[in-house]
Amino acid sequence: MKILIVEDSRLMRKAITKIVVAKGYEPLEAENGEEALKQLCTNKSEISLVIMDWNMPIMDGIDALEKIREDEQYDDVPVLMATSEGIKEDIDRATKAGANGYMVKPFKMQELANKISELIET
């Protein structure tokens, strides 16, 4: 099973990848929403979770989330927003767009591990 990490910061992708691997999943990476959509298309049946940043170049995370939710073949793929956008309006917008979870940076890696378990292993 694979987890798609969508994050423009190489350092943050690396940190999230460590948790994904420690949890026993194979990481896939994308630097923006456009790359994420391509990865989903290529690996559609293998991706168990998308961890998505909000602020990225080319296509941001909220636009990518909306596009993912427009395509019913991805209805069963949970999306966790992991972003520095922490005001209530942003959280509400992401939830309405179809996010299954929301984490505000900075967060502890154990919190991310717990959230992965919550979204995939339940």
Protein backbone atom coordinates (compact mmCIF):
# COMPACT_ATOMS: atom_id res chain seq x y z
CA MET A 1 0.00 0.00 0.00
CA LYS A 2 1.21 3.47 -0.89
CA ILE A 3 0.84 6.91 0.63
CA LEU A 4 1.13 9.94 -1.62
CA ILE A 5 2.98 12.84 0.02
CA VAL A 6 2.19 16.15 -1.69
CA GLU A 7 4.51 18.80 -0.32
CA ASP A 8 6.71 21.43 -1.98
CA SER A 9 9.27 21.44 0.86
CA ARG A 10 11.85 18.72 0.30
CA LEU A 11 12.71 18.74 4.01
CA MET A 12 9.07 18.22 5.04
CA ARG A 13 8.60 15.47 2.40
CA LYS A 14 11.65 13.72 3.84
CA ALA A 15 10.31 13.93 7.41
CA ILE A 16 6.86 12.65 6.39
CA THR A 17 8.45 9.89 4.31
CA LYS A 18 10.26 8.59 7.42
CA ILE A 19 6.93 8.20 9.23
CA VAL A 20 5.25 6.59 6.20
CA VAL A 21 8.05 4.03 5.87
CA ALA A 22 8.08 3.38 9.64
CA LYS A 23 4.35 2.62 9.42
CA GLY A 24 5.06 0.05 6.72
CA TYR A 25 3.78 1.95 3.69
CA GLU A 26 5.52 2.83 0.45
CA PRO A 27 5.83 6.60 -0.08
CA LEU A 28 5.13 8.36 -3.35
CA GLU A 29 6.04 12.02 -3.66
CA ALA A 30 4.69 15.03 -5.50
CA GLU A 31 5.84 18.65 -5.22
CA ASN A 32 2.49 20.23 -6.12
CA GLY A 33 -1.15 19.45 -6.79
CA GLU A 34 -0.65 18.92 -10.51
CA GLU A 35 1.98 16.23 -9.87
CA ALA A 36 -0.31 14.69 -7.25
CA LEU A 37 -3.12 14.28 -9.78
CA LYS A 38 -0.70 12.57 -12.19
CA GLN A 39 0.51 10.23 -9.42
CA LEU A 40 -3.08 9.37 -8.52
CA CYS A 41 -3.89 8.60 -12.14
CA THR A 42 -0.81 6.40 -12.53
CA ASN A 43 -1.17 4.56 -9.20
CA LYS A 44 -4.93 4.85 -8.58
CA SER A 45 -5.57 1.41 -7.11
CA GLU A 46 -2.47 1.40 -4.91
CA ILE A 47 -2.76 4.70 -3.03
CA SER A 48 -4.28 4.31 0.43
CA LEU A 49 -3.89 7.91 1.60
CA VAL A 50 -2.91 11.35 0.32
CA ILE A 51 -1.09 13.71 2.69
CA MET A 52 -1.45 17.18 1.15
CA ASP A 53 0.08 20.56 1.86
CA TRP A 54 -2.06 23.61 1.06
CA ASN A 55 0.46 26.21 -0.15
CA MET A 56 2.36 24.95 -3.19
CA PRO A 57 3.32 26.34 -6.59
CA ILE A 58 1.57 25.42 -9.87
CA MET A 59 -1.53 23.93 -8.16
CA ASP A 60 -2.17 24.36 -4.45
CA GLY A 61 -3.51 21.68 -2.16
CA ILE A 62 -7.09 22.91 -1.90
CA ASP A 63 -7.46 23.04 -5.70
CA ALA A 64 -5.97 19.54 -5.96
CA LEU A 65 -8.31 18.30 -3.23
CA GLU A 66 -11.31 19.70 -5.08
CA LYS A 67 -10.19 18.00 -8.31
CA ILE A 68 -9.66 14.70 -6.50
CA ARG A 69 -13.15 14.87 -5.03
CA GLU A 70 -14.68 15.67 -8.45
CA ASP A 71 -13.55 12.23 -9.66
CA GLU A 72 -15.60 9.44 -8.10
CA GLN A 73 -12.87 6.84 -8.66
CA TYR A 74 -11.03 8.50 -5.74
CA ASP A 75 -14.02 8.59 -3.37
CA ASP A 76 -12.44 5.93 -1.15
CA VAL A 77 -9.00 7.59 -0.96
CA PRO A 78 -8.72 9.64 2.23
CA VAL A 79 -6.97 13.01 2.03
CA LEU A 80 -5.19 14.48 5.04
CA MET A 81 -4.40 18.17 4.80
CA ALA A 82 -1.10 18.87 6.59
CA THR A 83 -0.51 22.60 6.34
CA SER A 84 0.38 25.82 8.11
CA GLU A 85 -3.10 27.19 7.31
CA GLY A 86 -4.72 26.89 10.71
CA ILE A 87 -7.54 29.41 10.89
CA LYS A 88 -11.07 28.04 11.29
CA GLU A 89 -12.19 29.27 7.86
CA ASP A 90 -9.41 27.30 6.14
CA ILE A 91 -10.17 24.15 8.10
CA ASP A 92 -13.87 24.52 7.25
CA ARG A 93 -13.06 25.08 3.57
CA ALA A 94 -10.89 21.97 3.41
CA THR A 95 -13.50 19.88 5.22
CA LYS A 96 -16.23 21.08 2.84
CA ALA A 97 -13.94 20.30 -0.11
CA GLY A 98 -13.65 16.71 1.10
CA ALA A 99 -10.62 16.48 3.40
CA ASN A 100 -10.83 13.51 5.76
CA GLY A 101 -8.42 15.04 8.27
CA TYR A 102 -6.52 18.23 8.98
CA MET A 103 -3.23 18.85 10.77
CA VAL A 104 -1.65 22.26 11.36
CA LYS A 105 2.13 22.60 11.02
CA PRO A 106 4.25 22.33 12.97
CA PHE A 107 3.06 19.00 14.29
CA LYS A 108 4.82 16.16 16.04
CA MET A 109 5.66 13.19 13.83
CA GLN A 110 3.93 10.87 16.32
CA GLU A 111 0.73 12.87 15.79
CA LEU A 112 1.09 12.24 12.05
CA ALA A 113 1.67 8.53 12.65
CA ASN A 114 -1.48 8.40 14.77
CA LYS A 115 -3.49 10.23 12.10
CA ILE A 116 -2.27 7.82 9.40
CA SER A 117 -3.43 4.92 11.55
CA GLU A 118 -6.77 6.62 12.14
CA LEU A 119 -7.41 7.26 8.45
CA ILE A 120 -6.15 3.99 6.95
CA GLU A 121 -6.25 1.30 9.56
CA THR A 122 -9.77 1.75 10.88
